[in-house]
Amino acid sequence: MNKKLTRDERKQAKADKKKQKSVRLAAAHQELYVSNTPKLEILPDLQKTPIIGSSLGSLDAPKQPIANHTGSRYGLRMTWCARHADCNGHWDWRAGDVLQEPRSWNDEEWLDPITHNMNHLEGMDWSEIESMISDSGLRMHHGHDIDDLCHDAINRWLDLGYAEFETLFRFRLGNKKRAWGIELQGHFYLIWYERDHNIYPV
């Protein structure tokens, strides 16, 4: 079998897998009644953002972001918070019979890489953030469709009641560390912190 044929088969298998995820996500989306309520009423807490040295659970309030009537985040300054973070339980990936990764983070991880990196980016225009390139030439921070993610992440997203949000934004916090969440009017709601790049398998 030649290399081109093998590559085409891998591409087709990946496309088929993505299509299966899309069908399952669409079915789950139909099962959940999602109204046409504006998204800001779903996650209204634009009031708080972590600052350096703050502890989880005692976050100070930043200024309200200015609404962008075009719907684009470009031209807005990034703010963020962890008030809607999903810190319960473990992810499904295992080493033997042991669940390996808790969704919560410890105090050390909160300070660095989470707060250190996110506060470094806070205040930058979203267009600047999305134009940042890694050493390997790839964009460091960007959006993802929900059906790009692993099955566990998709199911958890639906369990959290976020089916209406079909895209997430992902920040690279280190070699394999990532921050995942929802961006609304320039504000980033941190939902998940992961340590080993398992939410979006490559």
C-alpha atoms as a PDB file:
ATOM      1  CA  MET A   1       0.000   0.000   0.000  1.00  0.00           C
ATOM      2  CA  ASN A   2       1.529   3.316  -1.002  1.00  0.00           C
ATOM      3  CA  LYS A   3       1.904   6.306   1.349  1.00  0.00           C
ATOM      4  CA  LYS A   4      -0.708   8.436  -0.409  1.00  0.00           C
ATOM      5  CA  LEU A   5      -3.351   5.722  -0.109  1.00  0.00           C
ATOM      6  CA  THR A   6      -2.540   5.218   3.586  1.00  0.00           C
ATOM      7  CA  ARG A   7      -2.712   8.980   4.192  1.00  0.00           C
ATOM      8  CA  ASP A   8      -6.066   9.208   2.372  1.00  0.00           C
ATOM      9  CA  GLU A   9      -7.459   6.348   4.458  1.00  0.00           C
ATOM     10  CA  ARG A  10      -6.356   8.070   7.678  1.00  0.00           C
ATOM     11  CA  LYS A  11      -7.979  11.322   6.534  1.00  0.00           C
ATOM     12  CA  GLN A  12     -11.210   9.511   5.707  1.00  0.00           C
ATOM     13  CA  ALA A  13     -11.224   7.693   9.077  1.00  0.00           C
ATOM     14  CA  LYS A  14     -10.731  11.007  10.882  1.00  0.00           C
ATOM     15  CA  ALA A  15     -13.542  12.631   8.858  1.00  0.00           C
ATOM     16  CA  ASP A  16     -15.876   9.708   9.627  1.00  0.00           C
ATOM     17  CA  LYS A  17     -15.070   9.940  13.336  1.00  0.00           C
ATOM     18  CA  LYS A  18     -15.738  13.692  13.363  1.00  0.00           C
ATOM     19  CA  LYS A  19     -19.046  13.145  11.553  1.00  0.00           C
ATOM     20  CA  GLN A  20     -20.121  10.582  14.178  1.00  0.00           C
ATOM     21  CA  LYS A  21     -19.346  13.092  16.940  1.00  0.00           C
ATOM     22  CA  SER A  22     -21.321  15.782  15.097  1.00  0.00           C
ATOM     23  CA  VAL A  23     -24.362  13.520  14.785  1.00  0.00           C
ATOM     24  CA  ARG A  24     -24.223  12.636  18.479  1.00  0.00           C
ATOM     25  CA  LEU A  25     -23.796  16.276  19.472  1.00  0.00           C
ATOM     26  CA  ALA A  26     -26.725  17.328  17.262  1.00  0.00           C
ATOM     27  CA  ALA A  27     -28.935  14.625  18.792  1.00  0.00           C
ATOM     28  CA  ALA A  28     -28.011  15.703  22.312  1.00  0.00           C
ATOM     29  CA  HIS A  29     -28.601  19.321  21.338  1.00  0.00           C
ATOM     30  CA  GLN A  30     -32.129  18.475  20.195  1.00  0.00           C
ATOM     31  CA  GLU A  31     -32.863  16.568  23.388  1.00  0.00           C
ATOM     32  CA  LEU A  32     -31.944  19.589  25.479  1.00  0.00           C
ATOM     33  CA  TYR A  33     -34.358  22.476  25.041  1.00  0.00           C
ATOM     34  CA  VAL A  34     -32.253  25.513  24.235  1.00  0.00           C
ATOM     35  CA  SER A  35     -34.186  28.745  23.973  1.00  0.00           C
ATOM     36  CA  ASN A  36     -33.254  31.768  21.896  1.00  0.00           C
ATOM     37  CA  THR A  37     -32.283  33.614  25.048  1.00  0.00           C
ATOM     38  CA  PRO A  38     -29.228  35.805  24.443  1.00  0.00           C
ATOM     39  CA  LYS A  39     -26.015  34.095  25.518  1.00  0.00           C
ATOM     40  CA  LEU A  40     -25.236  36.787  28.070  1.00  0.00           C
ATOM     41  CA  GLU A  41     -28.200  35.628  30.127  1.00  0.00           C
ATOM     42  CA  ILE A  42     -26.772  32.122  30.203  1.00  0.00           C
ATOM     43  CA  LEU A  43     -23.432  33.188  31.738  1.00  0.00           C
ATOM     44  CA  PRO A  44     -24.054  36.642  33.179  1.00  0.00           C
ATOM     45  CA  ASP A  45     -21.036  36.929  35.486  1.00  0.00           C
ATOM     46  CA  LEU A  46     -18.735  39.336  33.685  1.00  0.00           C
ATOM     47  CA  GLN A  47     -17.911  40.980  37.004  1.00  0.00           C
ATOM     48  CA  LYS A  48     -14.957  39.008  38.332  1.00  0.00           C
ATOM     49  CA  THR A  49     -11.486  38.094  37.203  1.00  0.00           C
ATOM     50  CA  PRO A  50      -8.519  36.579  39.041  1.00  0.00           C
ATOM     51  CA  ILE A  51      -5.594  38.832  39.860  1.00  0.00           C
ATOM     52  CA  ILE A  52      -2.044  37.783  40.703  1.00  0.00           C
ATOM     53  CA  GLY A  53      -1.931  36.550  44.271  1.00  0.00           C
ATOM     54  CA  SER A  54      -5.667  35.974  44.557  1.00  0.00           C
ATOM     55  CA  SER A  55      -6.856  32.648  45.876  1.00  0.00           C
ATOM     56  CA  LEU A  56      -9.486  30.565  44.145  1.00  0.00           C
ATOM     57  CA  GLY A  57     -12.921  31.529  45.456  1.00  0.00           C
ATOM     58  CA  SER A  58     -12.044  35.120  46.414  1.00  0.00           C
ATOM     59  CA  LEU A  59     -11.798  36.881  43.061  1.00  0.00           C
ATOM     60  CA  ASP A  60     -11.844  40.661  42.662  1.00  0.00           C
ATOM     61  CA  ALA A  61     -14.156  42.450  40.259  1.00  0.00           C
ATOM     62  CA  PRO A  62     -12.824  44.007  37.040  1.00  0.00           C
ATOM     63  CA  LYS A  63     -14.549  46.563  34.836  1.00  0.00           C
ATOM     64  CA  GLN A  64     -17.442  45.389  32.679  1.00  0.00           C
ATOM     65  CA  PRO A  65     -16.273  44.713  29.097  1.00  0.00           C
ATOM     66  CA  ILE A  66     -17.720  47.023  26.458  1.00  0.00           C
ATOM     67  CA  ALA A  67     -20.258  45.229  24.247  1.00  0.00           C
ATOM     68  CA  ASN A  68     -19.117  44.794  20.671  1.00  0.00           C
ATOM     69  CA  HIS A  69     -22.170  45.125  18.433  1.00  0.00           C
ATOM     70  CA  THR A  70     -20.503  43.342  15.516  1.00  0.00           C
ATOM     71  CA  GLY A  71     -20.262  40.113  17.509  1.00  0.00           C
ATOM     72  CA  SER A  72     -16.505  39.921  16.914  1.00  0.00           C
ATOM     73  CA  ARG A  73     -14.007  39.781  19.788  1.00  0.00           C
ATOM     74  CA  TYR A  74     -11.432  41.680  17.732  1.00  0.00           C
ATOM     75  CA  GLY A  75     -11.001  45.204  19.021  1.00  0.00           C
ATOM     76  CA  LEU A  76     -11.871  44.079  22.570  1.00  0.00           C
ATOM     77  CA  ARG A  77      -9.392  43.646  25.398  1.00  0.00           C
ATOM     78  CA  MET A  78      -9.278  40.189  26.925  1.00  0.00           C
ATOM     79  CA  THR A  79     -10.521  39.783  30.484  1.00  0.00           C
ATOM     80  CA  TRP A  80     -11.073  36.464  32.211  1.00  0.00           C
ATOM     81  CA  CYS A  81     -12.455  34.694  35.256  1.00  0.00           C
ATOM     82  CA  ALA A  82     -12.718  31.210  36.727  1.00  0.00           C
ATOM     83  CA  ARG A  83     -16.146  31.611  38.328  1.00  0.00           C
ATOM     84  CA  HIS A  84     -17.765  28.942  36.136  1.00  0.00           C
ATOM     85  CA  ALA A  85     -14.852  26.508  36.182  1.00  0.00           C
ATOM     86  CA  ASP A  86     -15.731  22.819  36.183  1.00  0.00           C
ATOM     87  CA  CYS A  87     -13.620  21.492  39.056  1.00  0.00           C
ATOM     88  CA  ASN A  88     -15.612  18.389  39.999  1.00  0.00           C
ATOM     89  CA  GLY A  89     -14.522  14.806  39.486  1.00  0.00           C
ATOM     90  CA  HIS A  90     -11.910  13.324  37.164  1.00  0.00           C
ATOM     91  CA  TRP A  91     -11.484  12.913  33.434  1.00  0.00           C
ATOM     92  CA  ASP A  92     -11.972   9.390  32.068  1.00  0.00           C
ATOM     93  CA  TRP A  93      -8.405   8.790  30.916  1.00  0.00           C
ATOM     94  CA  ARG A  94      -6.695   6.190  33.067  1.00  0.00           C
ATOM     95  CA  ALA A  95      -3.431   4.488  33.916  1.00  0.00           C
ATOM     96  CA  GLY A  96      -4.575   0.941  34.552  1.00  0.00           C
ATOM     97  CA  ASP A  97      -7.666   1.238  36.761  1.00  0.00           C
ATOM     98  CA  VAL A  98      -6.754   4.667  38.144  1.00  0.00           C
ATOM     99  CA  LEU A  99      -8.361   7.893  36.905  1.00  0.00           C
ATOM    100  CA  GLN A 100      -5.347  10.063  36.218  1.00  0.00           C
ATOM    101  CA  GLU A 101      -6.449  13.660  35.954  1.00  0.00           C
ATOM    102  CA  PRO A 102      -8.737  15.622  38.291  1.00  0.00           C
ATOM    103  CA  ARG A 103     -10.655  18.523  36.749  1.00  0.00           C
ATOM    104  CA  SER A 104      -9.672  20.742  39.665  1.00  0.00           C
ATOM    105  CA  TRP A 105      -6.278  22.338  40.054  1.00  0.00           C
ATOM    106  CA  ASN A 106      -4.120  22.818  43.147  1.00  0.00           C
ATOM    107  CA  ASP A 107      -2.921  26.134  44.593  1.00  0.00           C
ATOM    108  CA  GLU A 108       0.443  25.869  42.881  1.00  0.00           C
ATOM    109  CA  GLU A 109      -1.140  25.268  39.450  1.00  0.00           C
ATOM    110  CA  TRP A 110      -3.549  28.153  40.078  1.00  0.00           C
ATOM    111  CA  LEU A 111      -0.632  30.559  40.541  1.00  0.00           C
ATOM    112  CA  ASP A 112       1.438  29.119  37.693  1.00  0.00           C
ATOM    113  CA  PRO A 113       0.627  28.284  34.964  1.00  0.00           C
ATOM    114  CA  ILE A 114      -3.006  29.462  35.184  1.00  0.00           C
ATOM    115  CA  THR A 115      -2.988  32.929  36.791  1.00  0.00           C
ATOM    116  CA  HIS A 116       0.540  33.776  35.652  1.00  0.00           C
ATOM    117  CA  ASN A 117      -0.215  33.108  31.970  1.00  0.00           C
ATOM    118  CA  MET A 118      -3.777  34.405  31.853  1.00  0.00           C
ATOM    119  CA  ASN A 119      -2.918  37.648  33.642  1.00  0.00           C
ATOM    120  CA  HIS A 120      -0.003  38.121  31.237  1.00  0.00           C
ATOM    121  CA  LEU A 121      -2.485  37.996  28.334  1.00  0.00           C
ATOM    122  CA  GLU A 122      -5.210  40.021  30.031  1.00  0.00           C
ATOM    123  CA  GLY A 123      -5.658  43.466  28.524  1.00  0.00           C
ATOM    124  CA  MET A 124      -4.339  42.428  25.114  1.00  0.00           C
ATOM    125  CA  ASP A 125      -6.545  42.745  22.049  1.00  0.00           C
ATOM    126  CA  TRP A 126      -7.983  39.391  20.976  1.00  0.00           C
ATOM    127  CA  SER A 127      -6.465  39.845  17.513  1.00  0.00           C
ATOM    128  CA  GLU A 128      -2.998  40.056  19.130  1.00  0.00           C
ATOM    129  CA  ILE A 129      -3.694  36.945  21.193  1.00  0.00           C
ATOM    130  CA  GLU A 130      -4.845  34.912  18.205  1.00  0.00           C
ATOM    131  CA  SER A 131      -1.832  35.961  16.123  1.00  0.00           C
ATOM    132  CA  MET A 132       0.685  34.516  18.614  1.00  0.00           C
ATOM    133  CA  ILE A 133       2.726  31.691  17.076  1.00  0.00           C
ATOM    134  CA  SER A 134       4.547  28.865  18.886  1.00  0.00           C
ATOM    135  CA  ASP A 135       8.110  27.722  18.132  1.00  0.00           C
ATOM    136  CA  SER A 136       6.626  25.015  15.901  1.00  0.00           C
ATOM    137  CA  GLY A 137       4.844  27.659  13.789  1.00  0.00           C
ATOM    138  CA  LEU A 138       1.309  26.900  15.057  1.00  0.00           C
ATOM    139  CA  ARG A 139      -1.137  29.347  16.583  1.00  0.00           C
ATOM    140  CA  MET A 140      -0.875  29.197  20.370  1.00  0.00           C
ATOM    141  CA  HIS A 141      -4.396  30.354  21.268  1.00  0.00           C
ATOM    142  CA  HIS A 142      -7.460  29.654  19.133  1.00  0.00           C
ATOM    143  CA  GLY A 143     -11.021  28.372  18.940  1.00  0.00           C
ATOM    144  CA  HIS A 144     -12.178  24.768  18.582  1.00  0.00           C
ATOM    145  CA  ASP A 145     -15.485  23.239  17.543  1.00  0.00           C
ATOM    146  CA  ILE A 146     -16.905  21.125  20.354  1.00  0.00           C
ATOM    147  CA  ASP A 147     -17.048  18.047  18.112  1.00  0.00           C
ATOM    148  CA  ASP A 148     -13.245  18.228  17.665  1.00  0.00           C
ATOM    149  CA  LEU A 149     -12.826  17.194  21.294  1.00  0.00           C
ATOM    150  CA  CYS A 150     -12.614  13.749  22.858  1.00  0.00           C
ATOM    151  CA  HIS A 151     -15.832  11.889  23.773  1.00  0.00           C
ATOM    152  CA  ASP A 152     -15.379  12.524  27.500  1.00  0.00           C
ATOM    153  CA  ALA A 153     -15.082  16.297  26.974  1.00  0.00           C
ATOM    154  CA  ILE A 154     -18.134  16.417  24.668  1.00  0.00           C
ATOM    155  CA  ASN A 155     -20.255  14.457  27.140  1.00  0.00           C
ATOM    156  CA  ARG A 156     -19.092  16.636  30.036  1.00  0.00           C
ATOM    157  CA  TRP A 157     -19.862  19.799  28.044  1.00  0.00           C
ATOM    158  CA  LEU A 158     -23.422  18.591  27.486  1.00  0.00           C
ATOM    159  CA  ASP A 159     -23.772  17.557  31.149  1.00  0.00           C
ATOM    160  CA  LEU A 160     -22.787  21.094  32.163  1.00  0.00           C
ATOM    161  CA  GLY A 161     -25.655  22.463  30.046  1.00  0.00           C
ATOM    162  CA  TYR A 162     -23.422  24.248  27.521  1.00  0.00           C
ATOM    163  CA  ALA A 163     -24.839  22.613  24.359  1.00  0.00           C
ATOM    164  CA  GLU A 164     -25.716  26.032  22.989  1.00  0.00           C
ATOM    165  CA  PHE A 165     -22.010  26.922  22.856  1.00  0.00           C
ATOM    166  CA  GLU A 166     -20.686  24.933  19.903  1.00  0.00           C
ATOM    167  CA  THR A 167     -17.201  26.458  20.019  1.00  0.00           C
ATOM    168  CA  LEU A 168     -14.699  26.829  22.833  1.00  0.00           C
ATOM    169  CA  PHE A 169     -11.584  28.941  23.048  1.00  0.00           C
ATOM    170  CA  ARG A 170      -8.312  27.315  24.052  1.00  0.00           C
ATOM    171  CA  PHE A 171      -5.250  28.991  25.557  1.00  0.00           C
ATOM    172  CA  ARG A 172      -1.874  27.260  25.525  1.00  0.00           C
ATOM    173  CA  LEU A 173      -0.320  27.583  28.989  1.00  0.00           C
ATOM    174  CA  GLY A 174       2.782  25.484  28.396  1.00  0.00           C
ATOM    175  CA  ASN A 175       4.030  22.496  26.446  1.00  0.00           C
ATOM    176  CA  LYS A 176       0.887  20.385  26.996  1.00  0.00           C
ATOM    177  CA  LYS A 177      -1.070  22.492  29.478  1.00  0.00           C
ATOM    178  CA  ARG A 178      -4.254  24.135  28.190  1.00  0.00           C
ATOM    179  CA  ALA A 179      -7.063  26.387  29.444  1.00  0.00           C
ATOM    180  CA  TRP A 180     -10.456  25.798  27.801  1.00  0.00           C
ATOM    181  CA  GLY A 181     -13.546  27.952  28.065  1.00  0.00           C
ATOM    182  CA  ILE A 182     -16.151  30.262  26.605  1.00  0.00           C
ATOM    183  CA  GLU A 183     -15.486  33.716  25.190  1.00  0.00           C
ATOM    184  CA  LEU A 184     -18.310  36.261  25.363  1.00  0.00           C
ATOM    185  CA  GLN A 185     -17.878  39.923  24.419  1.00  0.00           C
ATOM    186  CA  GLY A 186     -14.133  39.712  24.980  1.00  0.00           C
ATOM    187  CA  HIS A 187     -14.420  37.990  28.362  1.00  0.00           C
ATOM    188  CA  PHE A 188     -13.044  34.464  28.769  1.00  0.00           C
ATOM    189  CA  TYR A 189     -14.764  32.091  31.183  1.00  0.00           C
ATOM    190  CA  LEU A 190     -12.259  29.421  32.176  1.00  0.00           C
ATOM    191  CA  ILE A 191     -14.092  26.087  32.293  1.00  0.00           C
ATOM    192  CA  TRP A 192     -11.297  23.474  32.192  1.00  0.00           C
ATOM    193  CA  TYR A 193      -7.594  23.363  32.915  1.00  0.00           C
ATOM    194  CA  GLU A 194      -5.758  20.304  31.584  1.00  0.00           C
ATOM    195  CA  ARG A 195      -2.212  19.155  32.059  1.00  0.00           C
ATOM    196  CA  ASP A 196      -1.464  16.700  29.254  1.00  0.00           C
ATOM    197  CA  HIS A 197      -3.324  17.675  26.056  1.00  0.00           C
ATOM    198  CA  ASN A 198      -5.967  14.936  26.296  1.00  0.00           C
ATOM    199  CA  ILE A 199      -9.114  17.025  25.708  1.00  0.00           C
ATOM    200  CA  TYR A 200      -8.142  17.554  22.076  1.00  0.00           C
ATOM    201  CA  PRO A 201      -6.258  14.407  21.078  1.00  0.00           C
ATOM    202  CA  VAL A 202      -3.708  14.786  18.277  1.00  0.00           C
END
